[in-house]
Amino acid sequence: MKLYLAVAVLMLAFVAYTEAQDAEQTIEQRFTRFGEQVAEVSKGLAAKAKTTFEEISTSQFAADTRSWFQTQIESLKTKLS
């Protein structure tokens, strides 16, 4: 939920920024510029999300949790067999 809010605020900031840049720009130029800015933000967010996901998946906590679940599943399998 916080990510959606942050993206919405960034988009509004970019709109305000592009409008303040140059009053003589055409609407087509504004939309083009806005599209470029959204693409830049999207790439940055994607890179940060990928990095964060990799850090979480390789963390010690994640490894311990996977190990715990594996032992629980194995003990459940032996009980059911």
N, C-alpha and C. Protein backbone atom coordinates (compact mmCIF):
# COMPACT_ATOMS: atom_id res chain seq x y z
N MET A 1 0.83 -1.18 0.00
CA MET A 1 0.00 0.00 0.00
C MET A 1 0.87 1.25 0.00
N LYS A 2 1.96 1.23 0.75
CA LYS A 2 2.85 2.39 0.81
C LYS A 2 3.50 2.65 -0.54
N LEU A 3 3.83 1.57 -1.27
CA LEU A 3 4.46 1.72 -2.57
C LEU A 3 3.54 2.43 -3.55
N TYR A 4 2.26 2.05 -3.55
CA TYR A 4 1.30 2.70 -4.45
C TYR A 4 1.17 4.18 -4.12
N LEU A 5 1.14 4.50 -2.85
CA LEU A 5 1.05 5.89 -2.43
C LEU A 5 2.29 6.67 -2.85
N ALA A 6 3.46 6.06 -2.68
CA ALA A 6 4.70 6.73 -3.06
C ALA A 6 4.74 6.97 -4.57
N VAL A 7 4.30 5.99 -5.36
CA VAL A 7 4.30 6.15 -6.81
C VAL A 7 3.33 7.26 -7.21
N ALA A 8 2.17 7.31 -6.59
CA ALA A 8 1.20 8.35 -6.92
C ALA A 8 1.75 9.74 -6.58
N VAL A 9 2.40 9.86 -5.44
CA VAL A 9 2.98 11.15 -5.05
C VAL A 9 4.08 11.55 -6.03
N LEU A 10 4.91 10.59 -6.42
CA LEU A 10 5.98 10.89 -7.38
C LEU A 10 5.41 11.33 -8.73
N MET A 11 4.35 10.68 -9.16
CA MET A 11 3.73 11.06 -10.43
C MET A 11 3.19 12.48 -10.36
N LEU A 12 2.55 12.82 -9.26
CA LEU A 12 2.04 14.19 -9.09
C LEU A 12 3.18 15.20 -9.05
N ALA A 13 4.26 14.84 -8.40
CA ALA A 13 5.41 15.73 -8.35
C ALA A 13 6.00 15.94 -9.74
N PHE A 14 6.07 14.87 -10.52
CA PHE A 14 6.58 15.00 -11.88
C PHE A 14 5.68 15.87 -12.74
N VAL A 15 4.38 15.73 -12.57
CA VAL A 15 3.45 16.58 -13.33
C VAL A 15 3.66 18.04 -12.96
N ALA A 16 3.75 18.33 -11.69
CA ALA A 16 3.97 19.70 -11.25
C ALA A 16 5.31 20.23 -11.75
N TYR A 17 6.31 19.39 -11.72
CA TYR A 17 7.64 19.78 -12.17
C TYR A 17 7.65 20.08 -13.66
N THR A 18 7.03 19.22 -14.45
CA THR A 18 7.03 19.43 -15.89
C THR A 18 6.21 20.66 -16.28
N GLU A 19 5.15 20.94 -15.55
CA GLU A 19 4.36 22.13 -15.83
C GLU A 19 5.13 23.40 -15.48
N ALA A 20 5.94 23.34 -14.46
CA ALA A 20 6.70 24.51 -14.04
C ALA A 20 7.94 24.72 -14.92
N GLN A 21 8.37 23.69 -15.62
CA GLN A 21 9.58 23.76 -16.45
C GLN A 21 9.46 24.82 -17.54
N ASP A 22 8.50 24.62 -18.40
CA ASP A 22 8.42 25.50 -19.56
C ASP A 22 6.96 25.63 -19.97
N ALA A 23 6.42 26.80 -19.86
CA ALA A 23 5.01 27.03 -20.15
C ALA A 23 4.72 26.97 -21.64
N GLU A 24 5.75 27.05 -22.48
CA GLU A 24 5.54 27.07 -23.92
C GLU A 24 5.54 25.68 -24.55
N GLN A 25 5.71 24.65 -23.77
CA GLN A 25 5.70 23.29 -24.31
C GLN A 25 4.30 22.92 -24.76
N THR A 26 4.24 22.12 -25.81
CA THR A 26 2.94 21.64 -26.26
C THR A 26 2.50 20.48 -25.38
N ILE A 27 1.25 20.14 -25.48
CA ILE A 27 0.72 19.02 -24.69
C ILE A 27 1.42 17.73 -25.08
N GLU A 28 1.69 17.58 -26.37
CA GLU A 28 2.39 16.37 -26.83
C GLU A 28 3.76 16.25 -26.20
N GLN A 29 4.48 17.37 -26.12
CA GLN A 29 5.81 17.35 -25.50
C GLN A 29 5.71 17.05 -24.01
N ARG A 30 4.70 17.57 -23.37
CA ARG A 30 4.52 17.29 -21.94
C ARG A 30 4.24 15.83 -21.69
N PHE A 31 3.37 15.23 -22.52
CA PHE A 31 3.07 13.81 -22.35
C PHE A 31 4.29 12.95 -22.64
N THR A 32 5.06 13.35 -23.63
CA THR A 32 6.28 12.60 -23.95
C THR A 32 7.25 12.66 -22.78
N ARG A 33 7.45 13.85 -22.26
CA ARG A 33 8.36 14.03 -21.12
C ARG A 33 7.86 13.27 -19.90
N PHE A 34 6.55 13.35 -19.65
CA PHE A 34 5.98 12.65 -18.51
C PHE A 34 6.16 11.14 -18.66
N GLY A 35 5.96 10.63 -19.87
CA GLY A 35 6.17 9.20 -20.12
C GLY A 35 7.60 8.78 -19.86
N GLU A 36 8.54 9.62 -20.27
CA GLU A 36 9.95 9.33 -20.02
C GLU A 36 10.25 9.32 -18.52
N GLN A 37 9.69 10.27 -17.81
CA GLN A 37 9.93 10.34 -16.37
C GLN A 37 9.32 9.14 -15.65
N VAL A 38 8.13 8.74 -16.07
CA VAL A 38 7.50 7.56 -15.46
C VAL A 38 8.33 6.32 -15.75
N ALA A 39 8.86 6.22 -16.95
CA ALA A 39 9.72 5.08 -17.29
C ALA A 39 10.97 5.06 -16.41
N GLU A 40 11.57 6.22 -16.19
CA GLU A 40 12.75 6.30 -15.33
C GLU A 40 12.43 5.87 -13.91
N VAL A 41 11.32 6.36 -13.39
CA VAL A 41 10.91 6.00 -12.03
C VAL A 41 10.63 4.50 -11.95
N SER A 42 9.96 3.97 -12.96
CA SER A 42 9.63 2.55 -12.97
C SER A 42 10.88 1.69 -12.97
N LYS A 43 11.86 2.08 -13.77
CA LYS A 43 13.12 1.33 -13.81
C LYS A 43 13.82 1.37 -12.45
N GLY A 44 13.82 2.54 -11.83
CA GLY A 44 14.45 2.67 -10.52
C GLY A 44 13.75 1.83 -9.46
N LEU A 45 12.41 1.86 -9.49
CA LEU A 45 11.64 1.07 -8.52
C LEU A 45 11.83 -0.42 -8.76
N ALA A 46 11.87 -0.82 -10.03
CA ALA A 46 12.07 -2.23 -10.35
C ALA A 46 13.43 -2.71 -9.87
N ALA A 47 14.44 -1.90 -10.08
CA ALA A 47 15.79 -2.27 -9.63
C ALA A 47 15.85 -2.38 -8.11
N LYS A 48 15.23 -1.42 -7.42
CA LYS A 48 15.23 -1.46 -5.96
C LYS A 48 14.44 -2.66 -5.44
N ALA A 49 13.31 -2.95 -6.07
CA ALA A 49 12.50 -4.09 -5.65
C ALA A 49 13.26 -5.40 -5.87
N LYS A 50 13.94 -5.51 -7.01
CA LYS A 50 14.71 -6.72 -7.30
C LYS A 50 15.83 -6.89 -6.29
N THR A 51 16.53 -5.83 -5.98
CA THR A 51 17.62 -5.88 -5.01
C THR A 51 17.11 -6.28 -3.63
N THR A 52 16.00 -5.67 -3.24
CA THR A 52 15.42 -5.97 -1.93
C THR A 52 14.97 -7.42 -1.86
N PHE A 53 14.32 -7.90 -2.92
CA PHE A 53 13.87 -9.30 -2.94
C PHE A 53 15.06 -10.25 -2.85
N GLU A 54 16.12 -9.96 -3.58
CA GLU A 54 17.32 -10.81 -3.51
C GLU A 54 17.94 -10.80 -2.12
N GLU A 55 17.98 -9.63 -1.49
CA GLU A 55 18.54 -9.53 -0.14
C GLU A 55 17.70 -10.33 0.85
N ILE A 56 16.39 -10.23 0.71
CA ILE A 56 15.50 -10.96 1.63
C ILE A 56 15.62 -12.46 1.41
N SER A 57 15.64 -12.89 0.14
CA SER A 57 15.68 -14.32 -0.14
C SER A 57 17.00 -14.96 0.25
N THR A 58 18.06 -14.19 0.29
CA THR A 58 19.36 -14.74 0.69
C THR A 58 19.72 -14.46 2.14
N SER A 59 18.80 -13.88 2.88
CA SER A 59 19.11 -13.55 4.27
C SER A 59 19.14 -14.81 5.14
N GLN A 60 19.75 -14.69 6.28
CA GLN A 60 19.84 -15.81 7.22
C GLN A 60 18.46 -16.20 7.72
N PHE A 61 17.60 -15.24 7.95
CA PHE A 61 16.24 -15.52 8.41
C PHE A 61 15.48 -16.37 7.39
N ALA A 62 15.61 -16.04 6.11
CA ALA A 62 14.93 -16.82 5.07
C ALA A 62 15.48 -18.24 5.01
N ALA A 63 16.78 -18.39 5.13
CA ALA A 63 17.39 -19.72 5.11
C ALA A 63 16.93 -20.54 6.31
N ASP A 64 16.89 -19.93 7.48
CA ASP A 64 16.43 -20.64 8.68
C ASP A 64 14.96 -21.03 8.56
N THR A 65 14.15 -20.15 7.99
CA THR A 65 12.73 -20.43 7.83
C THR A 65 12.52 -21.58 6.86
N ARG A 66 13.25 -21.57 5.73
CA ARG A 66 13.14 -22.68 4.77
C ARG A 66 13.55 -24.00 5.41
N SER A 67 14.62 -23.96 6.17
CA SER A 67 15.10 -25.17 6.84
C SER A 67 14.07 -25.68 7.84
N TRP A 68 13.46 -24.77 8.60
CA TRP A 68 12.47 -25.17 9.58
C TRP A 68 11.26 -25.81 8.89
N PHE A 69 10.79 -25.20 7.81
CA PHE A 69 9.65 -25.77 7.08
C PHE A 69 10.00 -27.13 6.49
N GLN A 70 11.19 -27.29 5.99
CA GLN A 70 11.59 -28.58 5.43
C GLN A 70 11.61 -29.67 6.51
N THR A 71 12.12 -29.34 7.69
CA THR A 71 12.13 -30.34 8.76
C THR A 71 10.71 -30.64 9.22
N GLN A 72 9.84 -29.65 9.26
CA GLN A 72 8.45 -29.89 9.66
C GLN A 72 7.74 -30.77 8.64
N ILE A 73 7.97 -30.54 7.36
CA ILE A 73 7.35 -31.36 6.31
C ILE A 73 7.87 -32.78 6.37
N GLU A 74 9.18 -32.94 6.60
CA GLU A 74 9.75 -34.28 6.69
C GLU A 74 9.20 -35.02 7.90
N SER A 75 9.05 -34.34 9.03
CA SER A 75 8.50 -35.01 10.21
C SER A 75 7.03 -35.37 10.00
N LEU A 76 6.29 -34.53 9.27
CA LEU A 76 4.91 -34.83 8.96
C LEU A 76 4.81 -36.03 8.01
N LYS A 77 5.73 -36.11 7.04
CA LYS A 77 5.75 -37.23 6.13
C LYS A 77 6.03 -38.55 6.87
N THR A 78 6.96 -38.50 7.81
CA THR A 78 7.28 -39.73 8.55
C THR A 78 6.14 -40.14 9.45
N LYS A 79 5.41 -39.19 9.99
CA LYS A 79 4.25 -39.52 10.82
C LYS A 79 3.14 -40.15 9.99
N LEU A 80 2.96 -39.66 8.77
CA LEU A 80 1.88 -40.17 7.91
C LEU A 80 2.25 -41.48 7.24
N SER A 81 3.50 -41.81 7.16
CA SER A 81 3.93 -43.06 6.48
C SER A 81 3.80 -44.26 7.37
